[in-house]
Amino acid sequence: MLKVKNLKKSFGSFQAVKGISFEVGKGEVLGFLGPNGAGKSTTMRMITGFLPPSDGTAEICGHDILLDPVGAKSCIGYLPENAPSYRTMTVTDFLTFIAKVRGFTGSEVKSKVEAVLEKARLTTVRGQTIETLSKGFRQRTCFAQAIIHDPKVLIMDEPTDGLDPNQKFVVREMIKEMAEDKAIIVSTHILEEVDAVCTRALIIAHGEIKADGTPNELRSKDPSGKLDVVFRKLTMNGEEAANV
């Protein structure tokens, strides 16, 4: 459902992403794992068409993001880091606006809004303005806008960052509930996220893929069997890794 082909991105002389390729199929939840500054968000912005690549491309449900951006984006649900919203709107008004932007009309707008309010556990705050919500509810509101058109590919950048344990649990449960019929990417630097929701993990550092496999396959790369040890070794430079 999603094919990433040799994506590269340079900012002047700095190469932030150095030729990343991978695929995500239906029913997979891929943890895009790496330290801050690894190139995760830049890669996601290129996949979703928010940032043009210096080279390479991404194919979403058969649509090339460069050659057919409208077709590709119609298949994507995107929850960016620090997800934006219109803070003076109520939750219902915001989701109604998004449904109309997505091309829904008439009674279909209301049915789509009602469905995502239920799915994102937002019914109790539907009449509140977004600016009055806790961070967890704001995050869920932005999650709802990302899935209102029932996309086949869902891409989330740090979806639980800064949330309390209860809110993290709710967001992770929502991701797992949707995983069966979608291809999902969850970008994170939180190792517990991998065990909580991911069927597969891809570790990126310094703009390059360092490992790709199930959580258990990644653990097998070190005698300790600890994911945090494997992560440190793969994301540090050679000299630092030798001292771990």
Protein backbone atom coordinates (compact mmCIF):
# COMPACT_ATOMS: atom_id res chain seq x y z
CA MET A 1 0.00 0.00 0.00
CA LEU A 2 2.98 2.29 0.59
CA LYS A 3 6.29 2.12 -1.25
CA VAL A 4 9.12 4.52 -0.44
CA LYS A 5 11.78 4.61 -3.12
CA ASN A 6 15.26 6.01 -2.45
CA LEU A 7 14.07 9.21 -0.79
CA LYS A 8 16.74 11.85 -0.29
CA LYS A 9 16.61 15.37 1.08
CA SER A 10 19.35 17.97 1.30
CA PHE A 11 19.25 21.40 2.87
CA GLY A 12 22.18 23.19 1.30
CA SER A 13 25.25 21.05 1.97
CA PHE A 14 23.52 19.08 4.75
CA GLN A 15 21.97 15.78 3.68
CA ALA A 16 19.14 15.07 6.10
CA VAL A 17 17.84 11.92 4.40
CA LYS A 18 20.29 9.75 2.47
CA GLY A 19 18.34 7.35 0.29
CA ILE A 20 15.60 5.63 2.27
CA SER A 21 13.54 2.79 0.79
CA PHE A 22 10.92 0.57 2.43
CA GLU A 23 7.39 -0.80 1.98
CA VAL A 24 4.42 -1.05 4.34
CA GLY A 25 1.54 -3.43 3.59
CA LYS A 26 -2.05 -3.73 4.73
CA GLY A 27 -2.32 -4.78 8.37
CA GLU A 28 1.19 -3.59 9.27
CA VAL A 29 1.99 -1.01 11.92
CA LEU A 30 5.52 0.18 11.23
CA GLY A 31 7.37 1.92 14.02
CA PHE A 32 9.61 4.55 12.45
CA LEU A 33 12.13 4.71 15.25
CA GLY A 34 15.06 7.02 15.76
CA PRO A 35 16.59 9.75 17.92
CA ASN A 36 15.68 13.40 17.50
CA GLY A 37 17.22 14.75 14.30
CA ALA A 38 17.46 11.31 12.65
CA GLY A 39 15.38 12.33 9.61
CA LYS A 40 12.04 10.80 10.63
CA SER A 41 9.86 13.90 10.26
CA THR A 42 11.61 14.97 7.05
CA THR A 43 10.93 11.55 5.54
CA MET A 44 7.27 11.68 6.56
CA ARG A 45 6.85 15.15 5.09
CA MET A 46 8.23 13.91 1.78
CA ILE A 47 5.96 10.82 1.78
CA THR A 48 2.88 12.98 2.39
CA GLY A 49 3.82 15.63 -0.17
CA PHE A 50 4.44 18.46 2.30
CA LEU A 51 8.12 18.61 1.36
CA PRO A 52 9.58 17.93 -2.10
CA PRO A 53 12.38 15.34 -2.12
CA SER A 54 15.79 16.07 -3.57
CA ASP A 55 15.59 12.62 -5.15
CA GLY A 56 13.39 9.53 -5.05
CA THR A 57 9.64 9.30 -4.53
CA ALA A 58 6.84 7.56 -2.63
CA GLU A 59 3.94 5.56 -4.04
CA ILE A 60 0.69 5.45 -2.08
CA CYS A 61 -1.96 2.93 -3.21
CA GLY A 62 -0.42 3.02 -6.68
CA HIS A 63 -0.28 6.84 -6.90
CA ASP A 64 3.12 8.53 -7.17
CA ILE A 65 3.25 11.46 -4.75
CA LEU A 66 5.14 13.56 -7.32
CA LEU A 67 3.23 12.60 -10.48
CA ASP A 68 -0.25 12.27 -8.96
CA PRO A 69 -0.26 14.19 -5.67
CA VAL A 70 -4.06 14.51 -5.45
CA GLY A 71 -4.60 10.77 -5.93
CA ALA A 72 -1.84 9.93 -3.46
CA LYS A 73 -3.04 12.36 -0.78
CA SER A 74 -6.63 11.10 -1.05
CA CYS A 75 -5.34 7.77 0.32
CA ILE A 76 -3.35 9.30 3.20
CA GLY A 77 -4.35 10.27 6.70
CA TYR A 78 -1.64 12.43 8.27
CA LEU A 79 -1.17 13.41 11.88
CA PRO A 80 1.89 15.72 11.96
CA GLU A 81 3.95 16.48 15.03
CA ASN A 82 2.37 19.34 17.03
CA ALA A 83 -0.78 18.80 14.99
CA PRO A 84 -2.36 22.10 13.92
CA SER A 85 -6.03 22.97 14.35
CA TYR A 86 -8.33 25.98 14.53
CA ARG A 87 -8.34 26.49 18.28
CA THR A 88 -11.41 28.77 18.43
CA MET A 89 -13.59 26.17 16.69
CA THR A 90 -15.50 23.54 18.62
CA VAL A 91 -14.46 19.94 18.06
CA THR A 92 -17.60 19.27 16.01
CA ASP A 93 -17.22 22.41 13.91
CA PHE A 94 -13.57 21.65 13.18
CA LEU A 95 -14.30 18.08 12.09
CA THR A 96 -17.26 19.29 10.00
CA PHE A 97 -14.94 21.75 8.26
CA ILE A 98 -12.39 18.97 7.59
CA ALA A 99 -15.09 16.65 6.22
CA LYS A 100 -16.14 19.33 3.73
CA VAL A 101 -12.53 19.98 2.74
CA ARG A 102 -12.26 16.25 2.04
CA GLY A 103 -15.17 16.57 -0.39
CA PHE A 104 -18.06 15.16 1.61
CA THR A 105 -21.45 16.85 1.28
CA GLY A 106 -24.96 16.73 2.73
CA SER A 107 -25.82 14.02 5.25
CA GLU A 108 -22.49 12.31 4.58
CA VAL A 109 -20.71 15.12 6.43
CA LYS A 110 -22.68 14.51 9.61
CA SER A 111 -22.26 10.72 9.41
CA LYS A 112 -18.49 11.02 8.95
CA VAL A 113 -18.19 13.45 11.87
CA GLU A 114 -20.31 11.28 14.16
CA ALA A 115 -18.26 8.21 13.27
CA VAL A 116 -14.89 9.79 14.09
CA LEU A 117 -16.18 11.45 17.26
CA GLU A 118 -17.04 7.95 18.47
CA LYS A 119 -13.87 6.32 17.19
CA ALA A 120 -11.59 8.95 18.76
CA ARG A 121 -13.52 9.01 22.06
CA LEU A 122 -14.46 12.67 21.64
CA THR A 123 -18.22 12.63 22.22
CA THR A 124 -17.94 14.11 25.73
CA VAL A 125 -16.04 17.18 24.48
CA ARG A 126 -17.67 17.64 21.07
CA GLY A 127 -19.11 21.05 21.99
CA GLN A 128 -15.92 22.48 23.52
CA THR A 129 -13.59 24.82 21.69
CA ILE A 130 -10.26 23.18 20.89
CA GLU A 131 -8.33 25.78 22.90
CA THR A 132 -10.08 24.63 26.10
CA LEU A 133 -9.13 20.96 25.65
CA SER A 134 -6.30 19.11 27.38
CA LYS A 135 -3.35 18.14 25.20
CA GLY A 136 -4.63 14.58 25.02
CA PHE A 137 -8.04 15.62 23.71
CA ARG A 138 -6.44 18.07 21.25
CA GLN A 139 -4.28 15.23 19.97
CA ARG A 140 -7.33 13.00 19.60
CA THR A 141 -9.14 15.75 17.71
CA CYS A 142 -6.29 15.95 15.23
CA PHE A 143 -6.23 12.15 15.06
CA ALA A 144 -9.94 12.30 14.15
CA GLN A 145 -9.32 14.75 11.31
CA ALA A 146 -6.64 12.42 9.93
CA ILE A 147 -9.03 9.46 9.69
CA ILE A 148 -12.31 11.17 8.79
CA HIS A 149 -12.06 9.99 5.16
CA ASP A 150 -11.12 6.43 6.19
CA PRO A 151 -7.68 6.50 4.53
CA LYS A 152 -5.90 3.31 3.48
CA VAL A 153 -2.54 4.69 4.70
CA LEU A 154 -2.21 6.42 8.07
CA ILE A 155 0.96 8.33 8.96
CA MET A 156 1.50 9.70 12.46
CA ASP A 157 4.44 11.72 13.70
CA GLU A 158 5.03 11.35 17.46
CA PRO A 159 1.32 10.70 18.21
CA THR A 160 1.79 10.22 21.98
CA ASP A 161 4.59 12.69 22.66
CA GLY A 162 3.90 14.69 25.82
CA LEU A 163 0.76 12.78 26.79
CA ASP A 164 0.15 11.32 30.23
CA PRO A 165 0.06 7.50 30.62
CA ASN A 166 -3.73 7.29 30.38
CA GLN A 167 -3.86 9.37 27.21
CA LYS A 168 -1.02 7.36 25.67
CA PHE A 169 -2.97 4.19 26.34
CA VAL A 170 -6.09 5.58 24.64
CA VAL A 171 -4.19 6.73 21.52
CA ARG A 172 -2.39 3.40 21.25
CA GLU A 173 -5.66 1.49 21.55
CA MET A 174 -7.11 3.61 18.73
CA ILE A 175 -4.13 2.77 16.53
CA LYS A 176 -4.46 -0.95 17.20
CA GLU A 177 -8.19 -0.89 16.45
CA MET A 178 -7.52 0.60 13.01
CA ALA A 179 -4.53 -1.57 12.11
CA GLU A 180 -6.33 -4.50 10.48
CA ASP A 181 -7.27 -2.85 7.20
CA LYS A 182 -4.69 -0.08 6.92
CA ALA A 183 -0.97 0.43 6.44
CA ILE A 184 0.19 2.53 9.41
CA ILE A 185 3.43 4.34 10.17
CA VAL A 186 4.08 5.63 13.66
CA SER A 187 7.14 7.84 13.97
CA THR A 188 8.55 7.88 17.48
CA HIS A 189 11.65 8.07 19.64
CA ILE A 190 9.85 6.28 22.48
CA LEU A 191 10.93 2.63 22.62
CA GLU A 192 7.88 1.45 24.56
CA GLU A 193 5.74 2.53 21.62
CA VAL A 194 7.23 -0.25 19.52
CA ASP A 195 6.14 -2.99 21.91
CA ALA A 196 2.79 -1.32 22.50
CA VAL A 197 1.53 -1.01 18.91
CA CYS A 198 4.04 -2.02 16.24
CA THR A 199 4.23 -5.24 14.26
CA ARG A 200 7.52 -4.11 12.73
CA ALA A 201 10.13 -1.47 13.42
CA LEU A 202 12.51 0.45 11.24
CA ILE A 203 15.42 2.21 12.94
CA ILE A 204 16.79 5.34 11.31
CA ALA A 205 19.81 7.40 12.31
CA HIS A 206 21.83 10.08 10.52
CA GLY A 207 19.35 9.95 7.63
CA GLU A 208 19.87 6.25 6.94
CA ILE A 209 18.07 2.99 7.76
CA LYS A 210 20.06 1.01 10.31
CA ALA A 211 17.68 -1.93 10.88
CA ASP A 212 14.28 -3.23 9.77
CA GLY A 213 12.41 -6.11 11.42
CA THR A 214 9.93 -7.21 14.05
CA PRO A 215 10.63 -6.12 17.64
CA ASN A 216 11.87 -9.64 18.44
CA GLU A 217 14.14 -9.68 15.38
CA LEU A 218 15.69 -6.40 16.49
CA ARG A 219 16.24 -7.73 20.01
CA SER A 220 18.13 -10.71 18.58
CA LYS A 221 20.83 -8.34 17.33
CA ASP A 222 22.29 -8.11 20.84
CA PRO A 223 22.97 -10.84 23.44
CA SER A 224 21.16 -8.79 26.09
CA GLY A 225 17.93 -9.04 24.13
CA LYS A 226 17.08 -5.49 25.16
CA LEU A 227 15.62 -3.18 22.57
CA ASP A 228 17.07 -0.06 24.18
CA VAL A 229 20.61 -1.50 23.94
CA VAL A 230 20.12 -2.42 20.28
CA PHE A 231 18.70 1.04 19.60
CA ARG A 232 21.69 2.79 21.19
CA LYS A 233 24.20 0.69 19.28
CA LEU A 234 22.49 1.21 15.94
CA THR A 235 21.93 4.95 16.31
CA MET A 236 25.27 5.99 17.77
CA ASN A 237 28.37 6.51 15.68
CA GLY A 238 31.00 3.76 15.65
CA GLU A 239 33.18 5.10 18.47
CA GLU A 240 30.26 5.67 20.83
CA ALA A 241 28.71 2.27 20.04
CA ALA A 242 31.95 0.49 20.88
CA ASN A 243 31.71 1.85 24.43
CA VAL A 244 28.11 0.79 25.07
